[in-house]
Amino acid sequence: MKKKKKIFGLVGRNISYSFSAGYFSKKFKKKGLKHYTYKNFDIDSIEELRDVITNNKGIKGLNVTIPYKEEVIPLLDSLSKNAKKIGAVNTIVIGKRKIKGYNTDHYGFRKALKPLLKINHKKALILGTGGSSKAVAFALKKLKIEYDFVSRVGTDTVYGYTDIDENIFQEYQIIINTTPLGTFPDVEQHPPIDYSLFTKNHIAFDLIYNPEETTFLKKAKMNGAQVKNGYEMLVYQAEKSWKIWNRK
């Protein structure tokens, strides 16, 4: 009997560089899953998600990336407990009648960060306030690490970039870039902080994986910080997505 075609994919904007398509295509080949395919669905509006699902018979699951991790939520029938708490979705299961959203970013980030942690790493600054930042915050909470957000415009509860001085750098030993600043092809971009404030006691973690070493990481490393890009996080979250899609 001929096996039914199964389609998986990534939904986002300007995603031709994406890790996911190559990763899952290799995985399917290795496992001998010839009837499985993984596609990039580069859409200009999240409203186009309905067409993606309708026009691709056999679609079973999707990953969701920038800028739709929060925008996608109203289009889903239900959310997992963690996705609801986080307020962002990066994995979707498409059933016969319902579409359910999950978040595997928090798991991937936690697994990637944990080996770097030392006793002095007690507080973190999260650069950016988008969907990825919410998953990072959720993971830090699980690791019992205090955190605060940094945005272009400061408020009573969020630091502005201009607020980040030597005292704050001494207080926060983990700096995490969740913004797209520095992603290929705009590799010279970087969050506007004073990189001379990094020390050997700091961790600089960038969710970006293309390029392998962003300007944010280069500048932090030059001042002694331990650095890590987002590749390992992506692998962990992809494997978690795969498990979710294959649940019986």
C-alpha atoms as a PDB file:
ATOM      1  CA  MET A   1       0.000   0.000   0.000  1.00  0.00           C
ATOM      2  CA  LYS A   2       1.254   3.447  -0.884  1.00  0.00           C
ATOM      3  CA  LYS A   3       1.892   5.543   2.216  1.00  0.00           C
ATOM      4  CA  LYS A   4      -0.006   8.810   2.475  1.00  0.00           C
ATOM      5  CA  LYS A   5       2.038  11.958   1.958  1.00  0.00           C
ATOM      6  CA  LYS A   6       2.786  13.932   5.132  1.00  0.00           C
ATOM      7  CA  ILE A   7       3.739  17.599   4.959  1.00  0.00           C
ATOM      8  CA  PHE A   8       5.434  19.657   7.669  1.00  0.00           C
ATOM      9  CA  GLY A   9       6.776  23.172   7.373  1.00  0.00           C
ATOM     10  CA  LEU A  10       7.855  26.533   8.699  1.00  0.00           C
ATOM     11  CA  VAL A  11       5.666  29.635   8.709  1.00  0.00           C
ATOM     12  CA  GLY A  12       7.364  33.020   8.869  1.00  0.00           C
ATOM     13  CA  ARG A  13       8.493  36.031   6.866  1.00  0.00           C
ATOM     14  CA  ASN A  14      11.784  36.222   4.906  1.00  0.00           C
ATOM     15  CA  ILE A  15      12.748  32.684   5.926  1.00  0.00           C
ATOM     16  CA  SER A  16      14.770  31.480   2.941  1.00  0.00           C
ATOM     17  CA  TYR A  17      17.836  31.224   5.229  1.00  0.00           C
ATOM     18  CA  SER A  18      15.961  28.973   7.670  1.00  0.00           C
ATOM     19  CA  PHE A  19      17.549  26.092   9.559  1.00  0.00           C
ATOM     20  CA  SER A  20      14.364  24.010   9.819  1.00  0.00           C
ATOM     21  CA  ALA A  21      13.858  22.901   6.188  1.00  0.00           C
ATOM     22  CA  GLY A  22      17.384  21.510   5.858  1.00  0.00           C
ATOM     23  CA  TYR A  23      17.321  19.930   9.317  1.00  0.00           C
ATOM     24  CA  PHE A  24      14.039  18.077   8.859  1.00  0.00           C
ATOM     25  CA  SER A  25      14.733  17.078   5.236  1.00  0.00           C
ATOM     26  CA  LYS A  26      17.956  15.366   6.398  1.00  0.00           C
ATOM     27  CA  LYS A  27      16.072  13.756   9.283  1.00  0.00           C
ATOM     28  CA  PHE A  28      13.382  12.353   6.955  1.00  0.00           C
ATOM     29  CA  LYS A  29      16.032  10.994   4.571  1.00  0.00           C
ATOM     30  CA  LYS A  30      17.963   9.350   7.418  1.00  0.00           C
ATOM     31  CA  LYS A  31      14.794   7.707   8.742  1.00  0.00           C
ATOM     32  CA  GLY A  32      13.721   6.568   5.259  1.00  0.00           C
ATOM     33  CA  LEU A  33      10.530   8.647   5.412  1.00  0.00           C
ATOM     34  CA  LYS A  34      10.180   9.206   1.662  1.00  0.00           C
ATOM     35  CA  HIS A  35       6.535  10.240   1.989  1.00  0.00           C
ATOM     36  CA  TYR A  36       7.447  13.099   4.401  1.00  0.00           C
ATOM     37  CA  THR A  37       8.324  16.591   3.159  1.00  0.00           C
ATOM     38  CA  TYR A  38       9.199  19.851   4.942  1.00  0.00           C
ATOM     39  CA  LYS A  39       8.476  23.178   3.237  1.00  0.00           C
ATOM     40  CA  ASN A  40       9.039  26.855   3.928  1.00  0.00           C
ATOM     41  CA  PHE A  41       5.813  28.888   3.868  1.00  0.00           C
ATOM     42  CA  ASP A  42       6.991  32.488   3.542  1.00  0.00           C
ATOM     43  CA  ILE A  43       3.873  34.607   4.094  1.00  0.00           C
ATOM     44  CA  ASP A  44       3.282  38.367   4.273  1.00  0.00           C
ATOM     45  CA  SER A  45       0.416  38.107   6.767  1.00  0.00           C
ATOM     46  CA  ILE A  46      -0.556  35.510   9.348  1.00  0.00           C
ATOM     47  CA  GLU A  47      -4.026  35.466   7.786  1.00  0.00           C
ATOM     48  CA  GLU A  48      -2.454  33.468   4.928  1.00  0.00           C
ATOM     49  CA  LEU A  49      -2.013  30.534   7.325  1.00  0.00           C
ATOM     50  CA  ARG A  50      -5.529  29.329   6.478  1.00  0.00           C
ATOM     51  CA  ASP A  51      -4.579  29.085   2.787  1.00  0.00           C
ATOM     52  CA  VAL A  52      -1.370  27.219   3.659  1.00  0.00           C
ATOM     53  CA  ILE A  53      -3.376  24.579   5.540  1.00  0.00           C
ATOM     54  CA  THR A  54      -6.203  24.375   2.963  1.00  0.00           C
ATOM     55  CA  ASN A  55      -3.897  24.179  -0.074  1.00  0.00           C
ATOM     56  CA  ASN A  56      -1.522  21.537   1.277  1.00  0.00           C
ATOM     57  CA  LYS A  57      -3.305  18.220   1.570  1.00  0.00           C
ATOM     58  CA  GLY A  58      -1.576  15.988   4.093  1.00  0.00           C
ATOM     59  CA  ILE A  59      -0.201  18.836   6.210  1.00  0.00           C
ATOM     60  CA  LYS A  60       0.326  17.595   9.772  1.00  0.00           C
ATOM     61  CA  GLY A  61       2.477  20.101  11.585  1.00  0.00           C
ATOM     62  CA  LEU A  62       4.120  23.509  11.362  1.00  0.00           C
ATOM     63  CA  ASN A  63       6.841  25.461  13.080  1.00  0.00           C
ATOM     64  CA  VAL A  64       6.240  29.187  13.504  1.00  0.00           C
ATOM     65  CA  THR A  65       8.944  31.850  13.518  1.00  0.00           C
ATOM     66  CA  ILE A  66       9.352  35.651  13.498  1.00  0.00           C
ATOM     67  CA  PRO A  67       7.138  37.640  13.319  1.00  0.00           C
ATOM     68  CA  TYR A  68       4.137  35.337  13.901  1.00  0.00           C
ATOM     69  CA  LYS A  69       4.717  33.571  17.243  1.00  0.00           C
ATOM     70  CA  GLU A  70       2.140  35.748  18.984  1.00  0.00           C
ATOM     71  CA  GLU A  71      -0.016  36.738  15.995  1.00  0.00           C
ATOM     72  CA  VAL A  72      -0.819  33.089  15.233  1.00  0.00           C
ATOM     73  CA  ILE A  73      -2.616  32.451  18.543  1.00  0.00           C
ATOM     74  CA  PRO A  74      -6.096  33.793  17.578  1.00  0.00           C
ATOM     75  CA  LEU A  75      -6.131  31.427  14.560  1.00  0.00           C
ATOM     76  CA  LEU A  76      -5.686  28.299  16.684  1.00  0.00           C
ATOM     77  CA  ASP A  77      -8.412  26.187  18.310  1.00  0.00           C
ATOM     78  CA  SER A  78      -6.444  25.484  21.480  1.00  0.00           C
ATOM     79  CA  LEU A  79      -3.077  25.896  23.199  1.00  0.00           C
ATOM     80  CA  SER A  80      -0.951  23.633  25.340  1.00  0.00           C
ATOM     81  CA  LYS A  81      -0.667  24.620  28.994  1.00  0.00           C
ATOM     82  CA  ASN A  82       2.853  26.039  28.533  1.00  0.00           C
ATOM     83  CA  ALA A  83       2.043  27.905  25.304  1.00  0.00           C
ATOM     84  CA  LYS A  84      -0.881  29.551  27.113  1.00  0.00           C
ATOM     85  CA  LYS A  85       1.360  30.619  30.015  1.00  0.00           C
ATOM     86  CA  ILE A  86       4.084  31.893  27.678  1.00  0.00           C
ATOM     87  CA  GLY A  87       1.753  33.696  25.261  1.00  0.00           C
ATOM     88  CA  ALA A  88       3.678  32.565  22.179  1.00  0.00           C
ATOM     89  CA  VAL A  89       3.577  29.547  19.844  1.00  0.00           C
ATOM     90  CA  ASN A  90       6.325  28.055  17.691  1.00  0.00           C
ATOM     91  CA  THR A  91       4.841  24.594  16.971  1.00  0.00           C
ATOM     92  CA  ILE A  92       1.425  23.686  15.574  1.00  0.00           C
ATOM     93  CA  VAL A  93      -0.292  20.309  15.291  1.00  0.00           C
ATOM     94  CA  ILE A  94      -2.936  20.124  12.561  1.00  0.00           C
ATOM     95  CA  GLY A  95      -5.567  17.524  13.388  1.00  0.00           C
ATOM     96  CA  LYS A  96      -8.650  16.492  11.434  1.00  0.00           C
ATOM     97  CA  ARG A  97     -10.862  18.980  13.251  1.00  0.00           C
ATOM     98  CA  LYS A  98      -8.609  21.123  15.436  1.00  0.00           C
ATOM     99  CA  ILE A  99      -5.350  23.056  15.276  1.00  0.00           C
ATOM    100  CA  LYS A 100      -3.365  23.187  18.506  1.00  0.00           C
ATOM    101  CA  GLY A 101      -0.402  25.412  19.402  1.00  0.00           C
ATOM    102  CA  TYR A 102       2.633  24.490  21.492  1.00  0.00           C
ATOM    103  CA  ASN A 103       5.858  26.180  22.555  1.00  0.00           C
ATOM    104  CA  THR A 104       9.113  24.232  22.333  1.00  0.00           C
ATOM    105  CA  ASP A 105      11.393  27.317  22.361  1.00  0.00           C
ATOM    106  CA  HIS A 106      11.465  27.427  26.154  1.00  0.00           C
ATOM    107  CA  TYR A 107      12.619  23.798  26.293  1.00  0.00           C
ATOM    108  CA  GLY A 108      15.327  24.358  23.664  1.00  0.00           C
ATOM    109  CA  PHE A 109      16.654  27.483  25.352  1.00  0.00           C
ATOM    110  CA  ARG A 110      16.719  25.899  28.809  1.00  0.00           C
ATOM    111  CA  LYS A 111      18.617  22.834  27.534  1.00  0.00           C
ATOM    112  CA  ALA A 112      21.161  24.999  25.676  1.00  0.00           C
ATOM    113  CA  LEU A 113      21.775  27.462  28.524  1.00  0.00           C
ATOM    114  CA  LYS A 114      21.964  25.023  31.444  1.00  0.00           C
ATOM    115  CA  PRO A 115      25.511  23.653  30.805  1.00  0.00           C
ATOM    116  CA  LEU A 116      26.932  27.216  30.874  1.00  0.00           C
ATOM    117  CA  LEU A 117      25.513  28.157  34.261  1.00  0.00           C
ATOM    118  CA  LYS A 118      27.748  28.711  37.271  1.00  0.00           C
ATOM    119  CA  ILE A 119      26.924  29.729  40.817  1.00  0.00           C
ATOM    120  CA  ASN A 120      27.322  33.461  40.052  1.00  0.00           C
ATOM    121  CA  HIS A 121      24.769  33.397  37.192  1.00  0.00           C
ATOM    122  CA  LYS A 122      21.720  34.507  39.138  1.00  0.00           C
ATOM    123  CA  LYS A 123      20.098  37.276  37.054  1.00  0.00           C
ATOM    124  CA  ALA A 124      19.487  37.786  33.350  1.00  0.00           C
ATOM    125  CA  LEU A 125      18.697  40.651  31.000  1.00  0.00           C
ATOM    126  CA  ILE A 126      16.485  39.712  28.046  1.00  0.00           C
ATOM    127  CA  LEU A 127      17.076  42.037  25.081  1.00  0.00           C
ATOM    128  CA  GLY A 128      13.782  42.342  23.183  1.00  0.00           C
ATOM    129  CA  THR A 129      10.141  41.821  24.099  1.00  0.00           C
ATOM    130  CA  GLY A 130       8.767  39.686  21.229  1.00  0.00           C
ATOM    131  CA  GLY A 131       7.484  36.109  21.184  1.00  0.00           C
ATOM    132  CA  SER A 132      10.922  34.520  21.638  1.00  0.00           C
ATOM    133  CA  SER A 133      11.626  36.675  24.690  1.00  0.00           C
ATOM    134  CA  LYS A 134       8.538  35.255  26.389  1.00  0.00           C
ATOM    135  CA  ALA A 135       9.756  31.684  25.956  1.00  0.00           C
ATOM    136  CA  VAL A 136      13.195  32.686  27.282  1.00  0.00           C
ATOM    137  CA  ALA A 137      11.571  34.302  30.347  1.00  0.00           C
ATOM    138  CA  PHE A 138       9.545  31.129  30.980  1.00  0.00           C
ATOM    139  CA  ALA A 139      12.720  29.001  30.775  1.00  0.00           C
ATOM    140  CA  LEU A 140      14.628  31.306  33.149  1.00  0.00           C
ATOM    141  CA  LYS A 141      11.782  31.070  35.631  1.00  0.00           C
ATOM    142  CA  LYS A 142      12.042  27.261  35.489  1.00  0.00           C
ATOM    143  CA  LEU A 143      15.793  27.590  36.151  1.00  0.00           C
ATOM    144  CA  LYS A 144      15.041  29.938  39.100  1.00  0.00           C
ATOM    145  CA  ILE A 145      16.981  32.776  37.468  1.00  0.00           C
ATOM    146  CA  GLU A 146      15.604  36.288  37.959  1.00  0.00           C
ATOM    147  CA  TYR A 147      15.215  38.335  34.782  1.00  0.00           C
ATOM    148  CA  ASP A 148      14.243  41.705  33.373  1.00  0.00           C
ATOM    149  CA  PHE A 149      13.464  42.880  29.854  1.00  0.00           C
ATOM    150  CA  VAL A 150      15.254  45.547  27.818  1.00  0.00           C
ATOM    151  CA  SER A 151      13.481  47.403  25.012  1.00  0.00           C
ATOM    152  CA  ARG A 152      14.066  50.422  22.789  1.00  0.00           C
ATOM    153  CA  VAL A 153      11.767  52.450  25.017  1.00  0.00           C
ATOM    154  CA  GLY A 154      11.997  52.011  28.763  1.00  0.00           C
ATOM    155  CA  THR A 155       8.919  51.897  31.018  1.00  0.00           C
ATOM    156  CA  ASP A 156       8.289  51.420  34.739  1.00  0.00           C
ATOM    157  CA  THR A 157       8.769  47.662  34.319  1.00  0.00           C
ATOM    158  CA  VAL A 158      11.146  47.404  31.316  1.00  0.00           C
ATOM    159  CA  TYR A 159      14.654  48.843  30.965  1.00  0.00           C
ATOM    160  CA  GLY A 160      15.480  51.032  27.986  1.00  0.00           C
ATOM    161  CA  TYR A 161      18.832  50.404  26.276  1.00  0.00           C
ATOM    162  CA  THR A 162      20.070  53.768  27.550  1.00  0.00           C
ATOM    163  CA  ASP A 163      19.457  52.582  31.142  1.00  0.00           C
ATOM    164  CA  ILE A 164      22.019  49.764  30.883  1.00  0.00           C
ATOM    165  CA  ASP A 165      25.112  50.971  32.769  1.00  0.00           C
ATOM    166  CA  GLU A 166      27.989  49.426  34.736  1.00  0.00           C
ATOM    167  CA  ASN A 167      25.881  48.898  37.873  1.00  0.00           C
ATOM    168  CA  ILE A 168      23.233  46.979  35.931  1.00  0.00           C
ATOM    169  CA  PHE A 169      25.904  44.864  34.205  1.00  0.00           C
ATOM    170  CA  GLN A 170      27.354  43.934  37.590  1.00  0.00           C
ATOM    171  CA  GLU A 171      23.899  42.899  38.794  1.00  0.00           C
ATOM    172  CA  TYR A 172      22.919  40.858  35.701  1.00  0.00           C
ATOM    173  CA  GLN A 173      25.406  38.187  34.635  1.00  0.00           C
ATOM    174  CA  ILE A 174      23.459  36.683  31.687  1.00  0.00           C
ATOM    175  CA  ILE A 175      22.647  38.836  28.643  1.00  0.00           C
ATOM    176  CA  ILE A 176      20.336  37.243  26.068  1.00  0.00           C
ATOM    177  CA  ASN A 177      19.630  38.703  22.634  1.00  0.00           C
ATOM    178  CA  THR A 178      16.132  37.683  21.484  1.00  0.00           C
ATOM    179  CA  THR A 179      15.910  40.438  18.836  1.00  0.00           C
ATOM    180  CA  PRO A 180      16.610  39.778  15.127  1.00  0.00           C
ATOM    181  CA  LEU A 181      19.430  42.388  15.166  1.00  0.00           C
ATOM    182  CA  GLY A 182      22.486  40.857  13.495  1.00  0.00           C
ATOM    183  CA  THR A 183      20.677  38.161  11.494  1.00  0.00           C
ATOM    184  CA  PHE A 184      22.038  37.495   7.992  1.00  0.00           C
ATOM    185  CA  PRO A 185      22.284  39.515   5.754  1.00  0.00           C
ATOM    186  CA  ASP A 186      22.364  42.510   8.183  1.00  0.00           C
ATOM    187  CA  VAL A 187      25.258  41.023  10.127  1.00  0.00           C
ATOM    188  CA  GLU A 188      26.735  44.329  11.313  1.00  0.00           C
ATOM    189  CA  GLN A 189      23.671  45.178  13.381  1.00  0.00           C
ATOM    190  CA  HIS A 190      23.665  44.563  17.127  1.00  0.00           C
ATOM    191  CA  PRO A 191      21.730  45.637  20.227  1.00  0.00           C
ATOM    192  CA  PRO A 192      22.871  49.128  21.353  1.00  0.00           C
ATOM    193  CA  ILE A 193      24.577  48.323  24.664  1.00  0.00           C
ATOM    194  CA  ASP A 194      28.077  49.124  25.976  1.00  0.00           C
ATOM    195  CA  TYR A 195      29.985  45.929  25.189  1.00  0.00           C
ATOM    196  CA  SER A 196      33.031  47.006  27.218  1.00  0.00           C
ATOM    197  CA  LEU A 197      30.919  46.189  30.318  1.00  0.00           C
ATOM    198  CA  PHE A 198      31.033  42.448  29.591  1.00  0.00           C
ATOM    199  CA  THR A 199      33.456  40.447  31.756  1.00  0.00           C
ATOM    200  CA  LYS A 200      34.589  36.833  32.117  1.00  0.00           C
ATOM    201  CA  ASN A 201      31.749  36.420  34.652  1.00  0.00           C
ATOM    202  CA  HIS A 202      29.104  37.084  31.970  1.00  0.00           C
ATOM    203  CA  ILE A 203      27.261  34.806  29.558  1.00  0.00           C
ATOM    204  CA  ALA A 204      26.211  36.333  26.227  1.00  0.00           C
ATOM    205  CA  PHE A 205      23.569  34.168  24.536  1.00  0.00           C
ATOM    206  CA  ASP A 206      22.224  35.033  21.083  1.00  0.00           C
ATOM    207  CA  LEU A 207      19.120  33.263  19.746  1.00  0.00           C
ATOM    208  CA  ILE A 208      20.408  33.993  16.218  1.00  0.00           C
ATOM    209  CA  TYR A 209      22.283  31.136  14.518  1.00  0.00           C
ATOM    210  CA  ASN A 210      22.984  32.725  11.118  1.00  0.00           C
ATOM    211  CA  PRO A 211      25.719  33.988  11.168  1.00  0.00           C
ATOM    212  CA  GLU A 212      27.333  31.537  13.561  1.00  0.00           C
ATOM    213  CA  GLU A 213      29.006  34.388  15.441  1.00  0.00           C
ATOM    214  CA  THR A 214      26.954  37.591  15.465  1.00  0.00           C
ATOM    215  CA  THR A 215      28.408  41.030  16.136  1.00  0.00           C
ATOM    216  CA  PHE A 216      26.717  40.847  19.572  1.00  0.00           C
ATOM    217  CA  LEU A 217      28.666  37.658  20.374  1.00  0.00           C
ATOM    218  CA  LYS A 218      31.951  38.917  18.876  1.00  0.00           C
ATOM    219  CA  LYS A 219      31.887  42.104  20.939  1.00  0.00           C
ATOM    220  CA  ALA A 220      30.936  40.264  24.141  1.00  0.00           C
ATOM    221  CA  LYS A 221      33.662  37.639  23.571  1.00  0.00           C
ATOM    222  CA  MET A 222      36.318  40.322  23.021  1.00  0.00           C
ATOM    223  CA  ASN A 223      35.645  41.440  26.593  1.00  0.00           C
ATOM    224  CA  GLY A 224      35.904  37.957  28.090  1.00  0.00           C
ATOM    225  CA  ALA A 225      32.271  36.782  28.150  1.00  0.00           C
ATOM    226  CA  GLN A 226      31.307  33.156  27.576  1.00  0.00           C
ATOM    227  CA  VAL A 227      29.234  33.109  24.381  1.00  0.00           C
ATOM    228  CA  LYS A 228      26.718  30.823  22.697  1.00  0.00           C
ATOM    229  CA  ASN A 229      24.562  31.140  19.595  1.00  0.00           C
ATOM    230  CA  GLY A 230      21.068  29.765  19.006  1.00  0.00           C
ATOM    231  CA  TYR A 231      21.940  26.658  16.976  1.00  0.00           C
ATOM    232  CA  GLU A 232      21.806  24.140  19.826  1.00  0.00           C
ATOM    233  CA  MET A 233      18.572  25.678  21.096  1.00  0.00           C
ATOM    234  CA  LEU A 234      17.076  25.215  17.622  1.00  0.00           C
ATOM    235  CA  VAL A 235      18.059  21.547  17.478  1.00  0.00           C
ATOM    236  CA  TYR A 236      16.523  20.877  20.903  1.00  0.00           C
ATOM    237  CA  GLN A 237      13.284  22.706  20.056  1.00  0.00           C
ATOM    238  CA  ALA A 238      13.077  20.977  16.640  1.00  0.00           C
ATOM    239  CA  GLU A 239      13.402  17.540  18.246  1.00  0.00           C
ATOM    240  CA  LYS A 240      10.721  18.473  20.766  1.00  0.00           C
ATOM    241  CA  SER A 241       8.439  19.573  17.891  1.00  0.00           C
ATOM    242  CA  TRP A 242       9.079  16.247  16.165  1.00  0.00           C
ATOM    243  CA  LYS A 243       7.997  14.347  19.290  1.00  0.00           C
ATOM    244  CA  ILE A 244       4.816  16.434  19.539  1.00  0.00           C
ATOM    245  CA  TRP A 245       3.933  15.839  15.875  1.00  0.00           C
ATOM    246  CA  ASN A 246       4.394  12.091  16.311  1.00  0.00           C
ATOM    247  CA  ARG A 247       2.367  11.598  19.472  1.00  0.00           C
ATOM    248  CA  LYS A 248      -0.236   8.882  19.096  1.00  0.00           C
END
